[in-house]
Amino acid sequence: MREGLGIAWRPRAAQGGLRGRGRGDCGMTTGLSVDGSLDTLLNEAGPASKDLLRATTLFDLPVPATVVEALAVEAGGSVTRLRGLGLLDPYPDLHDPSRQALAPSSLAAGRLVPLTADERIAVATSATEPLLCAWGEAAGRYERDPILDLQLTRLAMLAEAAAVVAA
């Protein structure tokens, strides 16, 4: 106990205020509880929304919300639910910053089972046309940002969509 400024001060540990905490524990969340929280959120999403979240892991970039919603129609999941749970993160669209784009939370994406080869093809097939429309089909390759073109080309090749590759 130290005396100073007329008050008695003792470290919290001596007061019993830090019971149950080990040495070096500053009250920070441990990896185990973060993993448990992510698993809880993923379970709360439900199977269809979890499948939708898995589908979004195919993209290297945030994609327009309209594309994710088009995938939701097929998967049966809910974009609103995934956003509400913090499993889909919002970004400005890279083609039109006034629109919203979505990407899976990087923490949640790491907890998902990766897409199989057949699932990757199915998602690419479903997403290629809506993505081309959202990122400026009429604009053409030379007016689109090259990073967007690369994403579109990669998906189109996976989906064997030659017309999109040529666009």
Foldseek 3Di string as FASTA:
>chain_A
DDDDPRDDDDPCVVVVNPPPDDPPCPPDDDPVVVVVLLVVLLVVQPDLQNVLLLLLVLFPDFAFPVLSVLVCVVSVGDPVSCVVSVQKDWAQHPQHSVTITIGGDPVNNVVHDHDDLVSLLVSLLSRLVVRCVVNDVPCDDVNGDVVSLVRSLVSCVSNVPVVSVRD
